[in-house]
Protein backbone atom coordinates (compact mmCIF):
# COMPACT_ATOMS: atom_id res chain seq x y z
CA MET A 1 -1.14 -0.48 21.59
CA SER A 2 -2.72 -3.02 23.53
CA GLY A 3 -0.77 -5.97 25.04
CA SER A 4 -1.78 -8.83 22.53
CA THR A 5 -0.57 -6.33 19.54
CA LYS A 6 2.34 -5.67 20.52
CA PHE A 7 2.76 -9.31 21.17
CA ALA A 8 1.74 -10.70 17.83
CA THR A 9 3.92 -7.62 16.56
CA VAL A 10 7.15 -9.17 18.41
CA LEU A 11 6.02 -12.85 17.12
CA SER A 12 5.83 -11.45 13.58
CA ARG A 13 9.09 -9.88 13.72
CA ALA A 14 10.48 -13.13 15.18
CA VAL A 15 9.00 -16.01 13.63
CA VAL A 16 7.31 -14.51 10.67
CA THR A 17 9.53 -12.57 8.82
CA PRO A 18 12.90 -15.68 8.93
CA LEU A 19 9.80 -17.52 7.60
CA ALA A 20 9.26 -15.13 4.96
CA ARG A 21 13.28 -14.76 4.20
CA LEU A 22 13.20 -18.70 3.68
CA LEU A 23 10.50 -19.14 1.36
CA TRP A 24 10.73 -16.06 -0.66
CA ARG A 25 15.14 -15.26 -0.14
CA PRO A 26 14.25 -11.77 -1.01
CA ARG A 27 16.48 -9.54 -2.14
CA ILE A 28 16.37 -6.10 -0.42
CA VAL A 29 18.02 -2.74 -2.04
CA GLY A 30 17.50 0.88 -1.08
CA ARG A 31 16.80 0.10 3.17
CA ARG A 32 18.85 3.33 4.35
CA ASN A 33 16.36 5.15 1.98
CA VAL A 34 13.77 4.50 4.75
CA PRO A 35 14.10 7.42 8.10
CA LYS A 36 14.36 5.78 11.47
CA HIS A 37 12.01 7.78 12.31
CA GLY A 38 8.66 9.91 11.81
CA ALA A 39 6.46 10.15 9.94
CA VAL A 40 6.88 8.43 5.93
CA ILE A 41 4.75 6.81 3.06
CA LEU A 42 5.49 4.09 1.47
CA ALA A 43 4.29 4.04 -2.39
CA SER A 44 4.13 1.05 -3.39
CA ASN A 45 3.54 -1.00 -6.98
CA HIS A 46 1.12 -3.63 -6.82
CA ARG A 47 1.70 -7.30 -7.87
CA SER A 48 0.32 -9.55 -5.47
CA PHE A 49 -1.84 -10.37 -1.85
CA ILE A 50 1.50 -10.90 -0.48
CA ASP A 51 3.00 -7.28 -0.85
CA SER A 52 1.57 -5.49 2.34
CA PRO A 53 3.12 -8.88 3.97
CA ALA A 54 6.85 -8.65 2.26
CA ILE A 55 6.68 -4.51 2.59
CA THR A 56 6.07 -4.83 6.05
CA LEU A 57 8.40 -7.64 7.33
CA MET A 58 11.01 -6.46 5.05
CA ALA A 59 11.55 -2.83 5.99
CA PRO A 60 13.53 -1.57 8.43
CA ARG A 61 10.65 -0.57 10.99
CA LYS A 62 6.60 -0.80 11.93
CA VAL A 63 4.86 -0.11 8.93
CA SER A 64 0.91 0.03 9.09
CA PHE A 65 -1.24 -0.53 5.81
CA LEU A 66 -5.12 -1.37 4.80
CA ALA A 67 -6.58 -4.42 5.19
CA LYS A 68 -10.43 -5.86 4.77
CA GLN A 69 -12.22 -5.71 7.96
CA GLU A 70 -13.11 -9.29 7.42
CA TYR A 71 -9.26 -10.30 8.42
CA PHE A 72 -10.47 -8.97 11.77
CA THR A 73 -13.96 -10.23 12.07
CA GLY A 74 -13.59 -13.98 12.31
CA THR A 75 -14.69 -16.20 14.52
CA GLY A 76 -12.34 -19.13 16.59
CA LEU A 77 -9.41 -20.06 16.04
CA ARG A 78 -9.03 -19.38 12.49
CA GLY A 79 -10.46 -15.85 13.24
CA ALA A 80 -8.42 -15.46 16.44
CA VAL A 81 -5.34 -16.44 14.13
CA SER A 82 -6.18 -14.13 12.10
CA ARG A 83 -6.50 -11.29 13.55
CA ALA A 84 -2.99 -12.04 14.82
CA PHE A 85 -1.07 -12.53 12.02
CA PHE A 86 -2.99 -9.17 10.38
CA GLY A 87 -2.64 -6.93 13.74
CA GLY A 88 1.04 -8.33 14.33
CA ILE A 89 2.03 -7.04 10.56
CA GLY A 90 0.79 -3.51 10.82
CA ALA A 91 -2.67 -3.85 9.20
CA ILE A 92 -5.51 -1.43 9.36
CA GLY A 93 -8.85 -3.08 9.30
CA VAL A 94 -11.14 -1.33 6.52
CA GLU A 95 -14.06 -1.33 4.68
CA ARG A 96 -13.99 -1.92 0.87
CA GLY A 97 -15.78 1.21 -1.10
CA ALA A 98 -15.65 4.34 -2.65
CA GLY A 99 -16.69 7.71 -1.31
CA SER A 100 -17.12 8.16 2.47
CA ALA A 101 -16.01 4.53 2.90
CA ALA A 102 -12.21 5.05 0.83
CA GLN A 103 -11.96 8.88 2.93
CA HIS A 104 -12.51 7.14 5.76
CA ALA A 105 -9.44 4.39 5.11
CA LEU A 106 -7.66 7.74 4.10
CA ASP A 107 -8.50 9.56 7.32
CA LEU A 108 -7.00 5.93 8.95
CA GLY A 109 -3.79 6.67 6.94
CA LEU A 110 -3.01 10.40 8.25
CA GLU A 111 -3.71 9.14 11.93
CA ARG A 112 -0.82 6.71 11.72
CA LEU A 113 1.05 9.35 9.88
CA GLU A 114 0.25 12.29 12.64
CA ALA A 115 0.84 9.85 15.08
CA GLY A 116 4.77 9.66 13.39
CA GLU A 117 4.54 6.13 11.70
CA ALA A 118 5.23 4.44 8.58
CA PHE A 119 2.67 4.09 5.87
CA ALA A 120 2.30 1.83 3.23
CA ILE A 121 -0.10 2.53 0.32
CA TYR A 122 -0.40 1.35 -3.34
CA PRO A 123 -1.72 4.02 -5.98
CA GLU A 124 -2.48 2.23 -7.94
CA GLY A 125 -5.15 1.00 -6.24
CA THR A 126 -5.63 -2.29 -6.86
CA ARG A 127 -3.69 -5.20 -7.92
CA SER A 128 -2.23 -5.37 -11.68
CA LEU A 129 -3.50 -8.45 -13.32
CA ASP A 130 -1.06 -7.73 -16.45
CA GLY A 131 1.93 -6.78 -14.78
CA ARG A 132 1.86 -3.24 -16.66
CA LEU A 133 1.99 0.21 -13.64
CA TYR A 134 -1.44 1.86 -14.09
CA LYS A 135 -1.93 5.60 -13.22
CA GLY A 136 -1.57 6.57 -9.61
CA ARG A 137 -5.19 7.45 -7.53
CA THR A 138 -4.44 10.80 -5.81
CA GLY A 139 -4.82 9.63 -2.58
CA VAL A 140 -1.09 9.15 -1.66
CA ALA A 141 -0.93 12.93 -2.52
CA TRP A 142 -3.97 14.05 -0.52
CA LEU A 143 -1.95 11.95 2.85
CA ALA A 144 1.48 13.50 1.93
CA LEU A 145 0.35 17.16 0.97
CA THR A 146 -1.98 17.03 4.60
CA SER A 147 0.91 14.86 6.75
CA GLY A 148 3.85 16.80 4.96
CA ALA A 149 5.14 13.17 4.93
CA PRO A 150 8.19 12.31 2.27
CA VAL A 151 6.92 9.60 -0.31
CA VAL A 152 9.28 6.22 -0.81
CA PRO A 153 8.59 4.75 -3.93
CA VAL A 154 8.58 0.76 -3.52
CA ALA A 155 8.80 -1.25 -6.41
CA LEU A 156 7.98 -4.86 -5.19
CA THR A 157 9.11 -7.86 -8.39
CA GLY A 158 8.48 -11.24 -8.00
CA THR A 159 5.59 -11.26 -5.37
CA GLU A 160 3.42 -12.18 -7.95
CA ASP A 161 5.11 -15.23 -8.75
CA VAL A 162 4.79 -16.12 -4.79
CA GLN A 163 1.19 -15.82 -4.68
CA PRO A 164 -0.77 -15.35 -8.30
CA VAL A 165 -4.09 -13.32 -8.79
CA GLY A 166 -6.73 -16.29 -7.80
CA SER A 167 -3.97 -19.19 -6.07
CA LYS A 168 -4.68 -19.51 -2.00
CA VAL A 169 -1.41 -21.12 -1.02
CA PRO A 170 1.92 -18.99 -1.61
CA ARG A 171 4.63 -20.78 -3.79
CA PHE A 172 9.23 -20.94 -3.49
CA ALA A 173 10.29 -18.20 -5.57
CA LYS A 174 12.38 -14.69 -5.18
CA VAL A 175 11.11 -11.69 -4.30
CA THR A 176 13.18 -8.28 -4.57
CA ILE A 177 12.10 -5.24 -3.15
CA GLU A 178 13.56 -2.03 -3.73
CA PHE A 179 13.10 1.37 -1.65
CA GLY A 180 14.05 4.94 -3.42
CA LYS A 181 14.55 8.11 -2.47
CA PRO A 182 12.35 9.86 -0.59
CA LEU A 183 10.08 12.73 -2.47
CA ASP A 184 9.68 16.14 -1.16
CA LEU A 185 6.05 16.36 -2.33
CA SER A 186 5.48 20.15 -0.93
CA SER A 187 6.64 22.09 -3.76
CA PHE A 188 3.53 21.03 -5.96
CA GLY A 189 1.02 22.61 -3.35
CA GLU A 190 -1.78 22.60 -1.04
CA ALA A 191 -3.89 19.21 -0.68
CA SER A 192 -6.92 21.14 -1.41
CA SER A 193 -5.48 21.32 -5.18
CA GLY A 194 -6.77 18.74 -7.52
CA ARG A 195 -3.64 20.26 -10.22
CA ALA A 196 -1.78 19.98 -6.90
CA ARG A 197 -2.94 16.23 -6.09
CA ARG A 198 -2.55 14.80 -9.41
CA HIS A 199 0.88 16.09 -10.88
CA ALA A 200 2.55 15.22 -7.04
CA THR A 201 0.96 11.71 -7.72
CA ASP A 202 2.14 11.71 -11.36
CA ALA A 203 6.07 12.42 -9.96
CA VAL A 204 4.91 9.25 -7.46
CA MET A 205 4.34 7.17 -9.97
CA ALA A 206 7.11 8.79 -12.11
CA ALA A 207 9.56 7.28 -9.11
CA ILE A 208 8.40 3.83 -9.02
CA GLN A 209 8.17 3.09 -12.35
CA GLU A 210 11.92 3.96 -12.66
CA LEU A 211 12.45 1.96 -9.80
CA SER A 212 10.00 -1.04 -11.22
CA GLY A 213 10.88 -0.94 -15.13
CA GLN A 214 7.14 -2.00 -15.44
CA GLU A 215 5.50 -0.69 -19.04
CA PRO A 216 3.35 2.17 -17.97
CA ALA A 217 -0.33 1.53 -18.10
CA ASN A 218 -1.39 5.07 -18.96
CA ALA A 219 -4.63 4.60 -17.54
CA TYR A 220 -6.62 3.64 -14.02
CA ASN A 221 -6.98 -0.20 -12.82
CA ASN A 222 -10.81 0.03 -12.93
CA PRO A 223 -12.42 -3.14 -12.22
CA PRO A 224 -14.99 -3.38 -14.77
CA ALA A 225 -18.37 -0.90 -14.07
CA SER A 226 -21.92 -0.70 -15.19
CA ILE A 227 -23.14 2.05 -17.70
CA VAL A 228 -24.06 4.17 -14.48
CA GLU A 229 -20.74 3.83 -13.14
CA ARG A 230 -19.38 4.91 -16.51
CA VAL A 231 -21.41 7.74 -16.35
CA LYS A 232 -20.82 9.01 -13.26
CA GLN A 233 -16.88 8.76 -13.92
CA VAL A 234 -17.29 10.59 -17.45
CA LEU A 235 -19.54 13.44 -15.37
CA ARG A 236 -16.75 13.32 -12.51
CA ARG A 237 -14.31 13.40 -15.25
CA ASP A 238 -10.73 13.50 -12.67
CA ASP A 239 -9.68 11.45 -10.34
CA PRO A 240 -11.10 12.04 -6.25
CA THR A 241 -8.98 11.71 -4.22
CA THR A 242 -12.32 9.16 -2.16
CA ALA A 243 -11.07 6.51 -5.43
CA ALA A 244 -7.51 6.09 -4.44
CA VAL A 245 -7.60 3.36 -1.90
CA GLU A 246 -8.90 -0.56 -2.29
CA PRO A 247 -7.91 -2.94 0.61
CA ASP A 248 -6.63 -6.00 0.02
């Protein structure tokens, strides 16, 4: 970790965290469920742009998460502030996309886990616009079964009121962050097994739903697709690991 990144991390904890607590008045439940040391995956529902800052600022340890590469490529003072802020709260810059881009994103997460760090991921893939909990993509299971890291289910409530989809300025609202008990997914099988990844992911989503109380959508949270893409989805017939992440 570079000196500038270390400084930004300390600054985020010393300045941004107290400010976030003032604005969001967070209720934090189950902090002790997050292991203090070693690799761990925080698998959360996804309701707002501020979900990642909320998790990483309120968790009892530093947490990394995926973010758009654009946050790190800006120029001038604005670009420097963006890089410092997102780098300080643990963001990993990554390009959007499916296929090789999404697998690269998972590989970046795996690197953090293999280094004994905490990594946050949203199995739904993208934010829920209607408040329901969507079916999980299997990237979370691939990470857990490949790294051997436990998965802590996380439920966020109220973040959608702080910054609703489409708004640019955060609002005052109360946020609840609940960390569930760690899940050991090793009993589901090997990461190479699609069936193992599917069942392990379903177990994670069930744990998240139990915490959040959201209505299950029983469907993937897919953006509108072209006819060609729909045909590809039908032919594929399953949930590929490489479509498991969508950085904010």
